[in-house]
Protein backbone atom coordinates (compact mmCIF):
# COMPACT_ATOMS: atom_id res chain seq x y z
CA UNK A 1 -49.26 -93.23 -25.87
CA UNK A 2 -49.21 -90.62 -28.64
CA UNK A 3 -46.07 -88.50 -28.99
CA UNK A 4 -48.39 -85.51 -28.76
CA UNK A 5 -50.24 -86.61 -25.62
CA UNK A 6 -50.31 -84.13 -22.74
CA UNK A 7 -52.13 -86.46 -20.36
CA UNK A 8 -51.32 -85.69 -16.74
CA UNK A 9 -49.79 -82.32 -17.61
CA UNK A 10 -50.80 -78.88 -16.32
CA UNK A 11 -50.54 -75.94 -18.74
CA UNK A 12 -50.76 -72.24 -17.94
CA UNK A 13 -51.52 -70.06 -20.97
CA UNK A 14 -51.57 -66.26 -20.75
CA UNK A 15 -53.83 -64.26 -23.03
CA UNK A 16 -55.99 -67.36 -23.42
CA UNK A 17 -59.47 -65.84 -23.31
CA UNK A 18 -59.37 -65.33 -27.09
CA UNK A 19 -57.34 -65.73 -30.27
CA UNK A 20 -54.13 -67.73 -30.35
CA UNK A 21 -54.04 -68.30 -26.59
CA UNK A 22 -57.57 -69.68 -26.53
CA UNK A 23 -56.81 -72.03 -29.43
CA UNK A 24 -53.69 -73.29 -27.65
CA UNK A 25 -55.66 -73.90 -24.45
CA UNK A 26 -58.39 -75.79 -26.29
CA UNK A 27 -55.94 -78.02 -28.16
CA UNK A 28 -53.81 -78.72 -25.09
CA UNK A 29 -56.98 -79.71 -23.23
CA UNK A 30 -57.89 -81.96 -26.16
CA UNK A 31 -54.53 -83.71 -25.72
CA UNK A 32 -55.30 -84.35 -22.06
CA UNK A 33 -53.73 -81.40 -20.23
CA UNK A 34 -55.46 -79.51 -17.45
CA UNK A 35 -55.29 -75.89 -18.54
CA UNK A 36 -55.25 -72.57 -16.72
CA UNK A 37 -57.04 -69.81 -18.63
CA UNK A 38 -55.62 -66.37 -17.87
CA UNK A 39 -56.15 -62.84 -19.17
CA UNK A 40 -57.10 -59.48 -17.69
CA UNK A 41 -60.88 -59.94 -17.62
CA UNK A 42 -62.24 -62.53 -15.15
CA UNK A 43 -65.54 -62.98 -17.00
CA UNK A 44 -63.82 -63.81 -20.28
CA UNK A 45 -61.53 -66.32 -18.53
CA UNK A 46 -64.49 -67.98 -16.80
CA UNK A 47 -66.36 -68.26 -20.10
CA UNK A 48 -63.50 -70.04 -21.90
CA UNK A 49 -62.82 -72.36 -18.96
CA UNK A 50 -66.51 -73.28 -18.76
CA UNK A 51 -66.63 -74.04 -22.49
CA UNK A 52 -63.59 -76.34 -22.23
CA UNK A 53 -65.04 -78.10 -19.18
CA UNK A 54 -68.33 -78.62 -21.03
CA UNK A 55 -66.46 -80.54 -23.72
CA UNK A 56 -63.60 -82.18 -21.77
CA UNK A 57 -65.23 -82.69 -18.38
CA UNK A 58 -65.14 -80.88 -15.06
CA UNK A 59 -61.66 -79.87 -13.95
CA UNK A 60 -60.15 -79.77 -17.44
CA UNK A 61 -59.82 -75.99 -17.17
CA UNK A 62 -59.72 -73.38 -14.44
CA UNK A 63 -59.60 -69.59 -14.69
CA UNK A 64 -57.01 -67.43 -12.94
CA UNK A 65 -57.15 -63.84 -14.21
CA UNK A 66 -53.92 -61.82 -14.36
CA UNK A 67 -52.72 -58.58 -15.91
CA UNK A 68 -49.28 -59.15 -17.44
CA UNK A 69 -48.25 -55.59 -16.59
CA UNK A 70 -48.50 -56.45 -12.86
CA UNK A 71 -45.67 -58.48 -11.34
CA UNK A 72 -47.90 -59.25 -8.36
CA UNK A 73 -50.63 -60.58 -10.65
CA UNK A 74 -48.16 -62.89 -12.38
CA UNK A 75 -46.77 -64.10 -9.05
CA UNK A 76 -50.35 -64.82 -7.95
CA UNK A 77 -51.08 -66.65 -11.24
CA UNK A 78 -48.14 -69.01 -10.77
CA UNK A 79 -48.79 -69.56 -7.06
CA UNK A 80 -52.51 -70.22 -7.51
CA UNK A 81 -51.97 -72.61 -10.41
CA UNK A 82 -49.48 -74.64 -8.36
CA UNK A 83 -51.70 -74.56 -5.26
CA UNK A 84 -54.84 -75.62 -7.11
CA UNK A 85 -53.37 -78.10 -9.61
CA UNK A 86 -50.21 -79.22 -7.84
CA UNK A 87 -47.63 -78.19 -10.46
CA UNK A 88 -47.08 -76.44 -13.77
CA UNK A 89 -45.61 -78.60 -16.55
CA UNK A 90 -46.18 -76.21 -19.46
CA UNK A 91 -46.09 -72.43 -19.56
CA UNK A 92 -47.20 -70.51 -22.64
CA UNK A 93 -46.37 -66.80 -22.53
CA UNK A 94 -48.79 -65.61 -25.19
CA UNK A 95 -50.21 -62.30 -23.92
CA UNK A 96 -48.69 -59.15 -25.43
CA UNK A 97 -49.56 -55.55 -26.22
CA UNK A 98 -48.88 -52.94 -28.87
CA UNK A 99 -50.22 -49.50 -27.94
CA UNK A 100 -48.41 -47.64 -30.72
CA UNK A 101 -48.69 -47.74 -34.51
CA UNK A 102 -46.26 -45.54 -36.42
CA UNK A 103 -42.57 -44.75 -36.92
CA UNK A 104 -40.17 -45.05 -33.99
CA UNK A 105 -39.43 -41.32 -34.18
CA UNK A 106 -42.95 -40.62 -32.93
CA UNK A 107 -43.23 -43.10 -30.06
CA UNK A 108 -43.55 -41.75 -26.53
CA UNK A 109 -41.20 -43.11 -23.87
CA UNK A 110 -44.05 -44.55 -21.82
CA UNK A 111 -45.44 -46.35 -24.89
CA UNK A 112 -42.05 -47.88 -25.67
CA UNK A 113 -41.60 -48.93 -22.05
CA UNK A 114 -45.06 -50.51 -21.96
CA UNK A 115 -44.31 -52.59 -25.05
CA UNK A 116 -40.98 -53.80 -23.70
CA UNK A 117 -42.35 -54.43 -20.20
CA UNK A 118 -45.45 -56.32 -21.33
CA UNK A 119 -43.86 -58.29 -24.17
CA UNK A 120 -40.44 -59.11 -22.70
CA UNK A 121 -40.04 -58.28 -19.02
CA UNK A 122 -43.44 -59.75 -18.06
CA UNK A 123 -42.42 -63.01 -19.73
CA UNK A 124 -39.19 -62.95 -17.74
CA UNK A 125 -41.16 -62.38 -14.53
CA UNK A 126 -43.67 -65.17 -15.10
CA UNK A 127 -41.05 -67.66 -16.22
CA UNK A 128 -39.09 -66.80 -13.09
CA UNK A 129 -42.10 -67.66 -10.93
CA UNK A 130 -42.84 -70.93 -12.75
CA UNK A 131 -39.41 -72.35 -13.60
CA UNK A 132 -38.16 -73.26 -10.09
CA UNK A 133 -40.70 -76.06 -9.61
CA UNK A 134 -39.94 -77.31 -13.15
CA UNK A 135 -36.23 -77.33 -12.33
CA UNK A 136 -36.90 -79.19 -9.09
CA UNK A 137 -38.85 -81.89 -10.92
CA UNK A 138 -36.42 -81.81 -13.89
CA UNK A 139 -39.27 -81.52 -16.35
CA UNK A 140 -40.89 -78.59 -18.06
CA UNK A 141 -41.71 -76.86 -21.33
CA UNK A 142 -41.88 -73.08 -21.72
CA UNK A 143 -43.21 -71.51 -24.92
CA UNK A 144 -43.08 -67.82 -25.78
CA UNK A 145 -45.38 -66.66 -28.56
CA UNK A 146 -43.24 -64.16 -30.44
CA UNK A 147 -43.84 -62.98 -34.02
CA UNK A 148 -42.22 -62.88 -37.44
CA UNK A 149 -42.07 -59.15 -36.68
CA UNK A 150 -39.01 -60.02 -34.61
CA UNK A 151 -37.29 -61.12 -37.84
CA UNK A 152 -38.10 -58.03 -39.92
CA UNK A 153 -38.15 -54.26 -39.87
CA UNK A 154 -41.35 -52.24 -40.08
CA UNK A 155 -42.21 -48.56 -40.59
CA UNK A 156 -45.24 -48.82 -38.26
CA UNK A 157 -44.74 -51.56 -35.63
CA UNK A 158 -41.02 -51.18 -35.01
CA UNK A 159 -41.20 -51.11 -31.21
CA UNK A 160 -43.39 -54.22 -31.18
CA UNK A 161 -40.91 -55.95 -33.49
CA UNK A 162 -38.01 -55.02 -31.23
CA UNK A 163 -39.82 -56.61 -28.29
CA UNK A 164 -40.50 -59.76 -30.27
CA UNK A 165 -36.86 -60.03 -31.35
CA UNK A 166 -35.94 -59.80 -27.66
CA UNK A 167 -38.27 -62.73 -26.95
CA UNK A 168 -36.23 -64.90 -29.32
CA UNK A 169 -33.11 -64.12 -27.32
CA UNK A 170 -34.91 -64.59 -24.00
CA UNK A 171 -35.82 -68.12 -25.11
CA UNK A 172 -32.29 -68.87 -26.30
CA UNK A 173 -30.72 -67.63 -23.11
CA UNK A 174 -33.12 -69.43 -20.79
CA UNK A 175 -32.73 -72.60 -22.87
CA UNK A 176 -29.01 -72.52 -22.04
CA UNK A 177 -29.67 -71.89 -18.35
CA UNK A 178 -32.47 -74.42 -17.91
CA UNK A 179 -31.34 -77.14 -20.32
CA UNK A 180 -29.26 -79.05 -17.74
CA UNK A 181 -32.46 -79.38 -15.69
CA UNK A 182 -34.49 -80.82 -18.62
CA UNK A 183 -36.56 -77.65 -18.94
CA UNK A 184 -37.02 -76.59 -22.56
CA UNK A 185 -37.68 -73.02 -23.73
CA UNK A 186 -38.81 -72.21 -27.28
CA UNK A 187 -40.59 -69.54 -29.30
CA UNK A 188 -43.33 -69.68 -31.89
CA UNK A 189 -43.23 -66.88 -34.46
CA UNK A 190 -46.66 -66.51 -36.10
CA UNK A 191 -47.25 -64.56 -39.25
CA UNK A 192 -50.50 -62.67 -39.77
CA UNK A 193 -53.23 -64.59 -37.93
CA UNK A 194 -56.95 -63.86 -37.93
CA UNK A 195 -57.22 -62.58 -34.34
CA UNK A 196 -58.69 -59.50 -32.68
CA UNK A 197 -55.12 -58.41 -31.87
CA UNK A 198 -54.26 -58.21 -35.59
CA UNK A 199 -57.69 -57.05 -36.74
CA UNK A 200 -56.40 -53.68 -38.01
CA UNK A 201 -54.16 -55.55 -40.45
CA UNK A 202 -56.47 -58.21 -41.86
CA UNK A 203 -59.63 -56.06 -41.93
CA UNK A 204 -57.92 -53.56 -44.25
CA UNK A 205 -58.74 -54.93 -47.74
CA UNK A 206 -55.68 -53.40 -49.40
CA UNK A 207 -53.30 -54.58 -46.72
CA UNK A 208 -54.84 -58.05 -46.72
CA UNK A 209 -54.54 -58.22 -50.51
CA UNK A 210 -50.86 -57.24 -50.41
CA UNK A 211 -50.12 -59.76 -47.67
CA UNK A 212 -51.87 -62.69 -49.30
CA UNK A 213 -50.24 -61.94 -52.68
CA UNK A 214 -46.78 -62.22 -51.10
CA UNK A 215 -47.57 -65.29 -49.00
CA UNK A 216 -46.88 -68.62 -50.74
CA UNK A 217 -50.04 -70.18 -49.27
CA UNK A 218 -52.02 -67.11 -50.48
CA UNK A 219 -53.92 -66.66 -47.22
CA UNK A 220 -53.47 -65.57 -43.63
CA UNK A 221 -53.41 -68.03 -40.75
CA UNK A 222 -55.99 -69.12 -38.22
CA UNK A 223 -55.40 -69.33 -34.43
CA UNK A 224 -55.72 -73.11 -34.49
CA UNK A 225 -52.73 -73.31 -36.84
CA UNK A 226 -50.50 -71.92 -34.10
CA UNK A 227 -51.96 -74.30 -31.51
CA UNK A 228 -50.49 -77.31 -33.30
CA UNK A 229 -46.96 -75.93 -32.98
CA UNK A 230 -47.55 -75.28 -29.28
CA UNK A 231 -48.74 -78.84 -28.66
CA UNK A 232 -45.67 -80.15 -30.50
CA UNK A 233 -43.27 -78.06 -28.40
CA UNK A 234 -45.01 -78.99 -25.15
CA UNK A 235 -45.20 -82.73 -25.80
CA UNK A 236 -42.81 -85.67 -26.08
CA UNK A 237 -42.75 -85.01 -29.83
CA UNK A 238 -40.68 -81.90 -29.17
CA UNK A 239 -38.56 -83.29 -26.34
CA UNK A 240 -35.21 -82.60 -28.07
CA UNK A 241 -36.12 -79.08 -29.20
CA UNK A 242 -34.98 -76.10 -27.13
CA UNK A 243 -33.85 -72.54 -27.76
CA UNK A 244 -35.57 -72.52 -31.14
CA UNK A 245 -38.01 -70.21 -32.91
CA UNK A 246 -40.55 -72.04 -35.04
CA UNK A 247 -41.94 -69.79 -37.78
CA UNK A 248 -45.60 -70.43 -38.68
CA UNK A 249 -46.41 -67.88 -41.36
CA UNK A 250 -47.61 -69.57 -44.54
CA UNK A 251 -44.16 -69.01 -46.02
CA UNK A 252 -44.21 -65.21 -46.04
CA UNK A 253 -40.67 -64.82 -44.61
CA UNK A 254 -39.06 -67.06 -47.22
């Protein structure tokens, strides 16, 4: 069996109706996992699940909508996935939000709270709902999609970057707690990726020009290029990796 095979595994991926999350779901399904598509909008989740099933066969994907800002929604997501598919082997916390663009001096308290709650606390909630059955089976892989923003300062997305830096530490801390139970926790830190979430950055010609000029590979990334790292961390290939943050950014942070 391939080191990257996910045959027999069940993967829950938040924010998987588009962008990076969708690419991760598609590639995990390609490697044999049954995947749970989850985001706020039921129709979008159903559409992605149907497309995966059309390629991989009936039952390869199911849709369970959830809003990451709702603890009850996340509890329901975990419970339904376990009830319908029997277990969760892989959890990818990909969904995030950034409602503010500007210096920290101008951010409203509720905006700052929303960023921290959606990007850090929601991950903590969902992991808390999923991890116990992983611990019981002594097998599991948890992946948090962070950002290279968590490694750098910014004059315009500082609050977002603070939340992403916290995700690195969340992974490290949980890796220590869950490691004795053979449950691994890691982060992926993407650079600028061509997604709707980052559209304001890559659709600005000047900003795109500056970014590509300072990126060794001279381009921005594609969602599928993050999916490969996720498959690695979820599979046997990454079985001795935990508490780490894998940077996938075309070299921009070097």
